[in-house]
């Protein structure tokens, strides 16, 4: 019975669809509201870097999730999404590392889940159910 539930390819597809699909929503929101890119650019300028680097968020939140969803260069897509989450953490969330929510959860559990799921794709790859299986 349990052997019938063992399907690595399907499990990898579920992870790809989950992390890619959920991060893609954030990227589409930034495409719809370009002011978000300007806001990120302001944060980046605060570190002495050029504001145009803010457009890199579209790589991590649009291009990479689409790559993961379809299963093309999934390991690279996972690396790009994980890198995007690290930058988001450094720009916006460093003050929340040791905070808990009102319900007792970690303040950064969503960001942590995105980061760790993207990192899992780096190690798992796409599986067989992909445009370019690896």
N, C-alpha and C. Protein backbone atom coordinates (compact mmCIF):
# COMPACT_ATOMS: atom_id res chain seq x y z
N UNK A 1 0.82 -1.20 0.00
CA UNK A 1 0.00 0.00 0.00
C UNK A 1 0.85 1.26 0.00
N UNK A 2 1.82 1.33 0.91
CA UNK A 2 2.66 2.52 0.99
C UNK A 2 3.53 2.70 -0.25
N UNK A 3 3.91 1.61 -0.89
CA UNK A 3 4.73 1.72 -2.09
C UNK A 3 3.96 2.40 -3.22
N UNK A 4 2.64 2.29 -3.21
CA UNK A 4 1.83 2.95 -4.23
C UNK A 4 1.85 4.46 -4.05
N UNK A 5 2.15 4.93 -2.83
CA UNK A 5 2.21 6.36 -2.56
C UNK A 5 3.61 6.95 -2.81
N UNK A 6 4.56 6.10 -3.11
CA UNK A 6 5.94 6.54 -3.33
C UNK A 6 6.08 6.99 -4.78
N UNK A 7 6.17 8.30 -4.99
CA UNK A 7 6.30 8.83 -6.33
C UNK A 7 7.15 10.10 -6.27
N UNK A 8 8.45 9.93 -6.42
CA UNK A 8 9.38 11.06 -6.33
C UNK A 8 9.07 12.13 -7.36
N UNK A 9 8.75 11.72 -8.58
CA UNK A 9 8.50 12.70 -9.66
C UNK A 9 7.30 13.57 -9.32
N UNK A 10 6.25 12.97 -8.78
CA UNK A 10 5.07 13.74 -8.41
C UNK A 10 5.36 14.67 -7.24
N UNK A 11 6.13 14.19 -6.28
CA UNK A 11 6.51 15.03 -5.14
C UNK A 11 7.31 16.24 -5.59
N UNK A 12 8.24 16.05 -6.52
CA UNK A 12 9.03 17.17 -7.04
C UNK A 12 8.15 18.15 -7.80
N UNK A 13 7.18 17.63 -8.53
CA UNK A 13 6.24 18.50 -9.24
C UNK A 13 5.44 19.36 -8.25
N UNK A 14 4.99 18.75 -7.18
CA UNK A 14 4.22 19.48 -6.17
C UNK A 14 5.07 20.60 -5.57
N UNK A 15 6.32 20.33 -5.24
CA UNK A 15 7.20 21.36 -4.68
C UNK A 15 7.43 22.46 -5.71
N UNK A 16 7.68 22.09 -6.96
CA UNK A 16 7.89 23.10 -8.01
C UNK A 16 6.68 24.00 -8.17
N UNK A 17 5.49 23.40 -8.22
CA UNK A 17 4.27 24.18 -8.39
C UNK A 17 3.99 25.05 -7.18
N UNK A 18 4.25 24.53 -5.99
CA UNK A 18 3.97 25.29 -4.77
C UNK A 18 4.88 26.50 -4.65
N UNK A 19 6.17 26.28 -4.63
CA UNK A 19 7.08 27.41 -4.42
C UNK A 19 7.08 28.34 -5.62
N UNK A 20 7.09 27.80 -6.81
CA UNK A 20 7.07 28.64 -8.01
C UNK A 20 5.78 29.43 -8.13
N UNK A 21 4.67 28.77 -7.92
CA UNK A 21 3.37 29.43 -8.04
C UNK A 21 3.18 30.53 -7.01
N UNK A 22 3.56 30.25 -5.77
CA UNK A 22 3.35 31.24 -4.71
C UNK A 22 4.29 32.44 -4.83
N UNK A 23 5.53 32.21 -5.21
CA UNK A 23 6.45 33.35 -5.40
C UNK A 23 6.04 34.14 -6.63
N UNK A 24 5.52 33.47 -7.64
CA UNK A 24 5.11 34.17 -8.86
C UNK A 24 4.03 35.22 -8.57
N UNK A 25 3.15 34.97 -7.62
CA UNK A 25 2.15 35.97 -7.26
C UNK A 25 2.81 37.29 -6.84
N UNK A 26 3.91 37.18 -6.09
CA UNK A 26 4.63 38.39 -5.65
C UNK A 26 5.24 39.12 -6.83
N UNK A 27 5.76 38.37 -7.78
CA UNK A 27 6.35 38.99 -8.97
C UNK A 27 5.31 39.66 -9.84
N UNK A 28 4.17 39.02 -10.03
CA UNK A 28 3.10 39.61 -10.84
C UNK A 28 2.60 40.89 -10.17
N UNK A 29 2.50 40.89 -8.85
CA UNK A 29 2.09 42.10 -8.13
C UNK A 29 3.05 43.25 -8.40
N UNK A 30 4.33 42.94 -8.50
CA UNK A 30 5.33 43.98 -8.79
C UNK A 30 5.24 44.45 -10.23
N UNK A 31 4.86 43.57 -11.13
CA UNK A 31 4.66 43.98 -12.52
C UNK A 31 3.44 44.89 -12.65
N UNK A 32 2.41 44.60 -11.89
CA UNK A 32 1.18 45.40 -11.93
C UNK A 32 1.40 46.75 -11.27
N UNK A 33 2.18 46.79 -10.19
CA UNK A 33 2.45 48.03 -9.47
C UNK A 33 3.94 48.33 -9.50
N UNK A 34 4.41 49.03 -10.54
CA UNK A 34 5.83 49.33 -10.65
C UNK A 34 6.37 50.18 -9.50
N UNK A 35 5.49 50.81 -8.72
CA UNK A 35 5.94 51.56 -7.54
C UNK A 35 6.66 50.67 -6.56
N UNK A 36 6.33 49.38 -6.56
CA UNK A 36 7.01 48.43 -5.67
C UNK A 36 8.48 48.31 -6.04
N UNK A 37 8.78 48.35 -7.34
CA UNK A 37 10.17 48.29 -7.79
C UNK A 37 10.90 49.56 -7.34
N UNK A 38 10.23 50.70 -7.45
CA UNK A 38 10.84 51.96 -6.99
C UNK A 38 11.13 51.90 -5.50
N UNK A 39 10.22 51.32 -4.73
CA UNK A 39 10.41 51.20 -3.29
C UNK A 39 11.63 50.33 -2.98
N UNK A 40 11.74 49.21 -3.69
CA UNK A 40 12.90 48.33 -3.50
C UNK A 40 14.17 49.05 -3.93
N UNK A 41 14.08 49.82 -5.02
CA UNK A 41 15.23 50.61 -5.47
C UNK A 41 15.70 51.58 -4.40
N UNK A 42 14.77 52.18 -3.70
CA UNK A 42 15.12 53.07 -2.60
C UNK A 42 15.85 52.35 -1.48
N UNK A 43 15.40 51.14 -1.17
CA UNK A 43 16.09 50.34 -0.14
C UNK A 43 17.51 50.00 -0.58
N UNK A 44 17.65 49.66 -1.85
CA UNK A 44 18.97 49.30 -2.37
C UNK A 44 19.90 50.51 -2.36
N UNK A 45 19.36 51.67 -2.72
CA UNK A 45 20.18 52.90 -2.69
C UNK A 45 20.65 53.20 -1.28
N UNK A 46 19.85 52.83 -0.29
CA UNK A 46 20.24 53.02 1.10
C UNK A 46 21.51 52.26 1.46
N UNK A 47 21.83 51.24 0.69
CA UNK A 47 23.07 50.48 0.90
C UNK A 47 24.19 50.95 -0.02
N UNK A 48 23.95 52.06 -0.72
CA UNK A 48 24.97 52.61 -1.61
C UNK A 48 25.07 51.92 -2.96
N UNK A 49 24.06 51.16 -3.32
CA UNK A 49 24.05 50.45 -4.61
C UNK A 49 23.09 51.16 -5.57
N UNK A 50 23.28 50.97 -6.88
CA UNK A 50 22.38 51.63 -7.83
C UNK A 50 20.96 51.05 -7.79
N UNK A 51 19.98 51.93 -7.91
CA UNK A 51 18.57 51.56 -7.78
C UNK A 51 18.12 50.58 -8.86
N UNK A 52 18.77 50.59 -10.04
CA UNK A 52 18.32 49.70 -11.12
C UNK A 52 18.46 48.23 -10.74
N UNK A 53 19.26 47.92 -9.73
CA UNK A 53 19.38 46.53 -9.28
C UNK A 53 18.06 45.99 -8.76
N UNK A 54 17.13 46.88 -8.44
CA UNK A 54 15.81 46.45 -7.97
C UNK A 54 15.09 45.62 -9.02
N UNK A 55 15.39 45.83 -10.28
CA UNK A 55 14.73 45.05 -11.33
C UNK A 55 15.13 43.58 -11.28
N UNK A 56 16.19 43.26 -10.54
CA UNK A 56 16.58 41.87 -10.34
C UNK A 56 15.51 41.07 -9.63
N UNK A 57 14.64 41.76 -8.88
CA UNK A 57 13.56 41.05 -8.20
C UNK A 57 12.65 40.36 -9.21
N UNK A 58 12.55 40.90 -10.40
CA UNK A 58 11.71 40.27 -11.43
C UNK A 58 12.31 38.96 -11.91
N UNK A 59 13.62 38.84 -11.84
CA UNK A 59 14.27 37.56 -12.18
C UNK A 59 13.90 36.52 -11.12
N UNK A 60 13.99 36.92 -9.85
CA UNK A 60 13.72 35.99 -8.77
C UNK A 60 12.26 35.72 -8.51
N UNK A 61 11.37 36.62 -8.96
CA UNK A 61 9.95 36.46 -8.64
C UNK A 61 9.06 36.26 -9.86
N UNK A 62 9.61 36.34 -11.06
CA UNK A 62 8.83 36.07 -12.27
C UNK A 62 9.52 35.00 -13.11
N UNK A 63 10.72 35.29 -13.57
CA UNK A 63 11.43 34.36 -14.45
C UNK A 63 11.71 33.02 -13.76
N UNK A 64 12.35 33.05 -12.60
CA UNK A 64 12.71 31.81 -11.91
C UNK A 64 11.48 30.97 -11.53
N UNK A 65 10.41 31.58 -11.01
CA UNK A 65 9.23 30.74 -10.72
C UNK A 65 8.63 30.08 -11.96
N UNK A 66 8.61 30.81 -13.08
CA UNK A 66 8.09 30.20 -14.31
C UNK A 66 8.99 29.04 -14.73
N UNK A 67 10.30 29.23 -14.62
CA UNK A 67 11.24 28.14 -14.93
C UNK A 67 10.96 26.93 -14.06
N UNK A 68 10.74 27.15 -12.77
CA UNK A 68 10.48 26.04 -11.85
C UNK A 68 9.15 25.36 -12.16
N UNK A 69 8.13 26.14 -12.42
CA UNK A 69 6.80 25.58 -12.68
C UNK A 69 6.83 24.65 -13.88
N UNK A 70 7.48 25.08 -14.96
CA UNK A 70 7.50 24.24 -16.16
C UNK A 70 8.57 23.16 -16.10
N UNK A 71 9.51 23.31 -15.17
CA UNK A 71 10.56 22.31 -15.03
C UNK A 71 11.69 22.46 -16.02
N UNK A 72 12.10 23.68 -16.27
CA UNK A 72 13.23 23.97 -17.15
C UNK A 72 14.32 24.63 -16.32
N UNK A 73 15.49 23.99 -16.25
CA UNK A 73 16.61 24.50 -15.45
C UNK A 73 16.16 24.74 -14.00
N UNK A 74 15.51 23.76 -13.44
CA UNK A 74 14.90 23.88 -12.12
C UNK A 74 15.91 24.17 -11.02
N UNK A 75 17.07 23.57 -11.10
CA UNK A 75 18.08 23.82 -10.06
C UNK A 75 18.53 25.29 -10.07
N UNK A 76 18.70 25.85 -11.25
CA UNK A 76 19.07 27.26 -11.38
C UNK A 76 17.92 28.14 -10.89
N UNK A 77 16.69 27.76 -11.26
CA UNK A 77 15.52 28.51 -10.81
C UNK A 77 15.44 28.52 -9.28
N UNK A 78 15.68 27.38 -8.66
CA UNK A 78 15.68 27.30 -7.20
C UNK A 78 16.74 28.19 -6.59
N UNK A 79 17.92 28.21 -7.20
CA UNK A 79 19.00 29.06 -6.71
C UNK A 79 18.64 30.53 -6.83
N UNK A 80 18.02 30.91 -7.94
CA UNK A 80 17.60 32.30 -8.14
C UNK A 80 16.53 32.70 -7.12
N UNK A 81 15.57 31.82 -6.88
CA UNK A 81 14.52 32.14 -5.91
C UNK A 81 15.08 32.20 -4.49
N UNK A 82 15.99 31.29 -4.15
CA UNK A 82 16.59 31.31 -2.82
C UNK A 82 17.42 32.59 -2.65
N UNK A 83 18.16 32.98 -3.68
CA UNK A 83 18.93 34.23 -3.63
C UNK A 83 18.01 35.43 -3.48
N UNK A 84 16.90 35.41 -4.18
CA UNK A 84 15.92 36.49 -4.07
C UNK A 84 15.41 36.61 -2.63
N UNK A 85 15.16 35.48 -2.00
CA UNK A 85 14.67 35.50 -0.63
C UNK A 85 15.74 36.00 0.34
N UNK A 86 16.99 35.67 0.08
CA UNK A 86 18.07 36.18 0.93
C UNK A 86 18.16 37.70 0.83
N UNK A 87 18.05 38.23 -0.39
CA UNK A 87 18.10 39.68 -0.57
C UNK A 87 16.89 40.33 0.11
N UNK A 88 15.71 39.73 -0.04
CA UNK A 88 14.52 40.27 0.63
C UNK A 88 14.71 40.29 2.14
N UNK A 89 15.30 39.24 2.67
CA UNK A 89 15.58 39.18 4.10
C UNK A 89 16.52 40.31 4.51
N UNK A 90 17.60 40.49 3.76
CA UNK A 90 18.59 41.51 4.11
C UNK A 90 18.03 42.93 3.97
N UNK A 91 17.18 43.15 2.97
CA UNK A 91 16.65 44.50 2.75
C UNK A 91 15.51 44.85 3.70
N UNK A 92 14.67 43.88 4.06
CA UNK A 92 13.42 44.21 4.74
C UNK A 92 13.24 43.51 6.09
N UNK A 93 13.75 42.31 6.25
CA UNK A 93 13.32 41.48 7.38
C UNK A 93 14.35 41.20 8.45
N UNK A 94 15.51 41.83 8.42
CA UNK A 94 16.55 41.49 9.40
C UNK A 94 16.10 41.75 10.84
N UNK A 95 15.26 42.75 11.04
CA UNK A 95 14.80 43.06 12.39
C UNK A 95 13.76 42.08 12.93
N UNK A 96 13.33 41.14 12.12
CA UNK A 96 12.27 40.22 12.53
C UNK A 96 12.78 38.81 12.85
N UNK A 97 14.09 38.62 12.80
CA UNK A 97 14.65 37.27 12.96
C UNK A 97 14.25 36.63 14.27
N UNK A 98 14.24 37.40 15.35
CA UNK A 98 13.97 36.82 16.66
C UNK A 98 12.57 37.18 17.17
N UNK A 99 11.65 37.48 16.24
CA UNK A 99 10.29 37.84 16.64
C UNK A 99 9.32 36.70 16.36
N UNK A 100 8.30 36.64 17.19
CA UNK A 100 7.23 35.67 17.01
C UNK A 100 5.94 36.42 16.68
N UNK A 101 5.02 35.72 16.02
CA UNK A 101 3.71 36.30 15.74
C UNK A 101 2.85 36.22 16.99
N UNK A 102 1.68 36.82 16.95
CA UNK A 102 0.74 36.74 18.08
C UNK A 102 0.31 35.30 18.36
N UNK A 103 0.40 34.44 17.35
CA UNK A 103 0.01 33.03 17.51
C UNK A 103 1.17 32.14 17.92
N UNK A 104 2.36 32.72 18.10
CA UNK A 104 3.51 31.95 18.55
C UNK A 104 4.39 31.42 17.43
N UNK A 105 4.03 31.68 16.18
CA UNK A 105 4.86 31.25 15.06
C UNK A 105 6.01 32.22 14.83
N UNK A 106 6.97 31.80 14.06
CA UNK A 106 8.11 32.66 13.73
C UNK A 106 7.63 33.76 12.79
N UNK A 107 8.05 34.98 13.04
CA UNK A 107 7.65 36.11 12.21
C UNK A 107 8.03 35.90 10.75
N UNK A 108 9.10 35.18 10.51
CA UNK A 108 9.60 34.98 9.15
C UNK A 108 9.30 33.59 8.61
N UNK A 109 8.27 32.95 9.10
CA UNK A 109 8.02 31.57 8.66
C UNK A 109 7.69 31.49 7.18
N UNK A 110 6.97 32.46 6.64
CA UNK A 110 6.66 32.44 5.22
C UNK A 110 7.93 32.61 4.38
N UNK A 111 8.75 33.58 4.74
CA UNK A 111 10.00 33.80 4.02
C UNK A 111 10.92 32.59 4.18
N UNK A 112 10.93 32.01 5.37
CA UNK A 112 11.74 30.81 5.59
C UNK A 112 11.27 29.64 4.75
N UNK A 113 9.96 29.48 4.64
CA UNK A 113 9.41 28.39 3.83
C UNK A 113 9.74 28.59 2.36
N UNK A 114 9.61 29.83 1.86
CA UNK A 114 9.98 30.11 0.47
C UNK A 114 11.46 29.80 0.24
N UNK A 115 12.31 30.29 1.15
CA UNK A 115 13.75 30.08 0.99
C UNK A 115 14.10 28.60 1.00
N UNK A 116 13.61 27.87 2.00
CA UNK A 116 13.97 26.46 2.12
C UNK A 116 13.36 25.60 1.02
N UNK A 117 12.17 25.95 0.56
CA UNK A 117 11.56 25.21 -0.56
C UNK A 117 12.34 25.44 -1.85
N UNK A 118 12.75 26.69 -2.06
CA UNK A 118 13.57 26.99 -3.25
C UNK A 118 14.90 26.26 -3.16
N UNK A 119 15.48 26.23 -1.97
CA UNK A 119 16.74 25.51 -1.78
C UNK A 119 16.55 24.01 -2.01
N UNK A 120 15.41 23.47 -1.64
CA UNK A 120 15.12 22.05 -1.89
C UNK A 120 15.14 21.77 -3.39
N UNK A 121 14.62 22.70 -4.19
CA UNK A 121 14.64 22.51 -5.65
C UNK A 121 16.07 22.46 -6.19
N UNK A 122 16.97 23.20 -5.57
CA UNK A 122 18.37 23.16 -5.99
C UNK A 122 18.90 21.74 -5.86
N UNK A 123 18.55 21.07 -4.77
CA UNK A 123 19.06 19.72 -4.53
C UNK A 123 18.23 18.63 -5.19
N UNK A 124 16.91 18.84 -5.33
CA UNK A 124 16.04 17.82 -5.91
C UNK A 124 16.02 17.82 -7.43
N UNK A 125 16.11 19.01 -8.03
CA UNK A 125 15.96 19.10 -9.47
C UNK A 125 14.49 19.03 -9.85
N UNK A 126 14.23 18.82 -11.13
CA UNK A 126 12.87 18.92 -11.64
C UNK A 126 12.05 17.64 -11.51
N UNK A 127 12.69 16.52 -11.57
CA UNK A 127 11.96 15.25 -11.63
C UNK A 127 11.57 14.96 -13.08
N UNK A 128 10.89 13.84 -13.28
CA UNK A 128 10.52 13.41 -14.63
C UNK A 128 9.41 14.24 -15.26
N UNK A 129 8.53 14.80 -14.43
CA UNK A 129 7.38 15.56 -14.95
C UNK A 129 7.79 17.01 -15.20
N UNK A 130 8.60 17.21 -16.23
CA UNK A 130 9.15 18.53 -16.49
C UNK A 130 9.42 18.68 -17.97
N UNK A 131 9.54 19.93 -18.40
CA UNK A 131 9.91 20.21 -19.79
C UNK A 131 11.30 19.65 -20.06
N UNK A 132 12.22 19.84 -19.10
CA UNK A 132 13.58 19.31 -19.24
C UNK A 132 13.93 18.57 -17.94
N UNK A 133 13.56 17.30 -17.86
CA UNK A 133 13.86 16.53 -16.65
C UNK A 133 15.36 16.46 -16.37
N UNK A 134 15.68 16.47 -15.08
CA UNK A 134 17.10 16.29 -14.71
C UNK A 134 17.24 15.25 -13.62
